[in-house]
């Protein structure tokens, strides 16, 4: 999968390995506890070099409640991003 990392002089091709770490777990985001959560982990490698990865949490009947990515490519500035659900409404 080609992507451009901020600060990279050219697009890179990465291998993304997704692993289901937990199912049916509880996870708290912004003070709210969610049940029946699936935790997915991603590991990112470029040319066999580990660049880091991320974690994604999905709650049943809600969707993604949190994601975080941390990449540390050699020779480039580290990249980090975290997103958390602030509110949701089920109709």
C-alpha atoms as a PDB file:
ATOM      1  CA  UNK A   1       0.000   0.000   0.000  1.00  0.00           C
ATOM      2  CA  UNK A   2       1.712   3.255  -1.039  1.00  0.00           C
ATOM      3  CA  UNK A   3       1.522   6.206   1.324  1.00  0.00           C
ATOM      4  CA  UNK A   4       3.385   9.465   1.899  1.00  0.00           C
ATOM      5  CA  UNK A   5       4.677  10.066   5.389  1.00  0.00           C
ATOM      6  CA  UNK A   6       4.986  13.735   6.375  1.00  0.00           C
ATOM      7  CA  UNK A   7       8.609  14.750   5.766  1.00  0.00           C
ATOM      8  CA  UNK A   8       9.292  11.895   3.357  1.00  0.00           C
ATOM      9  CA  UNK A   9      10.760  12.959   0.004  1.00  0.00           C
ATOM     10  CA  UNK A  10       8.839  10.245  -1.880  1.00  0.00           C
ATOM     11  CA  UNK A  11       5.878   7.893  -1.425  1.00  0.00           C
ATOM     12  CA  UNK A  12       6.696   4.651   0.379  1.00  0.00           C
ATOM     13  CA  UNK A  13       5.181   1.205   0.046  1.00  0.00           C
ATOM     14  CA  UNK A  14       4.269  -0.376   3.364  1.00  0.00           C
ATOM     15  CA  UNK A  15       3.149  -3.783   4.523  1.00  0.00           C
ATOM     16  CA  UNK A  16       0.322  -3.517   7.051  1.00  0.00           C
ATOM     17  CA  UNK A  17      -0.283  -6.526   9.288  1.00  0.00           C
ATOM     18  CA  UNK A  18      -3.588  -6.386  11.188  1.00  0.00           C
ATOM     19  CA  UNK A  19      -4.131  -8.596  14.242  1.00  0.00           C
ATOM     20  CA  UNK A  20      -7.254  -9.019  16.358  1.00  0.00           C
ATOM     21  CA  UNK A  21      -5.923  -8.588  19.903  1.00  0.00           C
ATOM     22  CA  UNK A  22      -9.190  -8.771  21.875  1.00  0.00           C
ATOM     23  CA  UNK A  23     -12.898  -9.317  21.385  1.00  0.00           C
ATOM     24  CA  UNK A  24     -15.674  -8.738  23.882  1.00  0.00           C
ATOM     25  CA  UNK A  25     -13.490  -6.400  25.949  1.00  0.00           C
ATOM     26  CA  UNK A  26     -14.397  -3.225  27.815  1.00  0.00           C
ATOM     27  CA  UNK A  27     -12.678   0.050  26.908  1.00  0.00           C
ATOM     28  CA  UNK A  28     -13.114   3.561  28.307  1.00  0.00           C
ATOM     29  CA  UNK A  29     -12.896   6.642  26.078  1.00  0.00           C
ATOM     30  CA  UNK A  30     -13.415  10.174  27.392  1.00  0.00           C
ATOM     31  CA  UNK A  31     -14.851   8.851  30.646  1.00  0.00           C
ATOM     32  CA  UNK A  32     -17.418   6.577  28.970  1.00  0.00           C
ATOM     33  CA  UNK A  33     -17.082   2.815  29.244  1.00  0.00           C
ATOM     34  CA  UNK A  34     -17.925   0.700  26.188  1.00  0.00           C
ATOM     35  CA  UNK A  35     -18.591  -3.052  26.304  1.00  0.00           C
ATOM     36  CA  UNK A  36     -18.225  -5.694  23.613  1.00  0.00           C
ATOM     37  CA  UNK A  37     -15.200  -3.909  22.112  1.00  0.00           C
ATOM     38  CA  UNK A  38     -12.898  -5.328  19.441  1.00  0.00           C
ATOM     39  CA  UNK A  39      -9.231  -4.266  19.624  1.00  0.00           C
ATOM     40  CA  UNK A  40      -7.301  -4.385  16.340  1.00  0.00           C
ATOM     41  CA  UNK A  41      -3.525  -3.812  16.197  1.00  0.00           C
ATOM     42  CA  UNK A  42      -1.640  -2.858  13.036  1.00  0.00           C
ATOM     43  CA  UNK A  43       2.105  -3.243  12.507  1.00  0.00           C
ATOM     44  CA  UNK A  44       3.717  -1.201   9.714  1.00  0.00           C
ATOM     45  CA  UNK A  45       6.877  -2.330   7.920  1.00  0.00           C
ATOM     46  CA  UNK A  46       8.672  -0.791   4.952  1.00  0.00           C
ATOM     47  CA  UNK A  47      11.366  -2.877   3.257  1.00  0.00           C
ATOM     48  CA  UNK A  48      11.422  -5.169   6.328  1.00  0.00           C
ATOM     49  CA  UNK A  49      12.025  -2.178   8.663  1.00  0.00           C
ATOM     50  CA  UNK A  50       9.498  -1.808  11.484  1.00  0.00           C
ATOM     51  CA  UNK A  51       8.038   1.699  11.315  1.00  0.00           C
ATOM     52  CA  UNK A  52       5.676   1.267  14.301  1.00  0.00           C
ATOM     53  CA  UNK A  53       1.954   0.727  14.255  1.00  0.00           C
ATOM     54  CA  UNK A  54      -1.354   1.510  15.796  1.00  0.00           C
ATOM     55  CA  UNK A  55      -4.371   0.368  17.743  1.00  0.00           C
ATOM     56  CA  UNK A  56      -8.047   0.625  16.792  1.00  0.00           C
ATOM     57  CA  UNK A  57     -11.006   0.022  19.094  1.00  0.00           C
ATOM     58  CA  UNK A  58     -14.510  -0.685  17.774  1.00  0.00           C
ATOM     59  CA  UNK A  59     -17.597  -0.883  20.012  1.00  0.00           C
ATOM     60  CA  UNK A  60     -20.627  -2.928  19.004  1.00  0.00           C
ATOM     61  CA  UNK A  61     -23.464  -0.772  17.628  1.00  0.00           C
ATOM     62  CA  UNK A  62     -21.243   2.345  17.788  1.00  0.00           C
ATOM     63  CA  UNK A  63     -18.231   1.870  15.486  1.00  0.00           C
ATOM     64  CA  UNK A  64     -14.705   3.156  16.018  1.00  0.00           C
ATOM     65  CA  UNK A  65     -14.323   4.699  19.452  1.00  0.00           C
ATOM     66  CA  UNK A  66     -10.560   5.240  19.483  1.00  0.00           C
ATOM     67  CA  UNK A  67      -7.555   5.005  17.191  1.00  0.00           C
ATOM     68  CA  UNK A  68      -3.898   5.731  17.750  1.00  0.00           C
ATOM     69  CA  UNK A  69      -0.955   5.540  15.366  1.00  0.00           C
ATOM     70  CA  UNK A  70       2.721   5.918  16.188  1.00  0.00           C
ATOM     71  CA  UNK A  71       5.298   5.726  13.376  1.00  0.00           C
ATOM     72  CA  UNK A  72       9.048   6.092  13.880  1.00  0.00           C
ATOM     73  CA  UNK A  73      10.687   5.839  10.448  1.00  0.00           C
ATOM     74  CA  UNK A  74      14.491   5.947  10.428  1.00  0.00           C
ATOM     75  CA  UNK A  75      15.813   9.349   9.362  1.00  0.00           C
ATOM     76  CA  UNK A  76      12.413  11.067   9.519  1.00  0.00           C
ATOM     77  CA  UNK A  77      10.481  12.818  12.263  1.00  0.00           C
ATOM     78  CA  UNK A  78       8.194  10.547  14.299  1.00  0.00           C
ATOM     79  CA  UNK A  79       4.482  10.738  13.513  1.00  0.00           C
ATOM     80  CA  UNK A  80       1.769  10.271  16.134  1.00  0.00           C
ATOM     81  CA  UNK A  81      -1.986  10.633  15.950  1.00  0.00           C
ATOM     82  CA  UNK A  82      -4.791   9.786  18.358  1.00  0.00           C
ATOM     83  CA  UNK A  83      -8.510  10.133  17.733  1.00  0.00           C
ATOM     84  CA  UNK A  84     -11.210   9.510  20.328  1.00  0.00           C
ATOM     85  CA  UNK A  85     -14.978   9.480  20.031  1.00  0.00           C
ATOM     86  CA  UNK A  86     -16.444  12.519  21.766  1.00  0.00           C
ATOM     87  CA  UNK A  87     -20.123  11.615  21.517  1.00  0.00           C
ATOM     88  CA  UNK A  88     -22.528   9.368  19.662  1.00  0.00           C
ATOM     89  CA  UNK A  89     -26.254   8.996  19.232  1.00  0.00           C
ATOM     90  CA  UNK A  90     -27.987   5.772  18.304  1.00  0.00           C
ATOM     91  CA  UNK A  91     -31.397   6.183  16.719  1.00  0.00           C
END
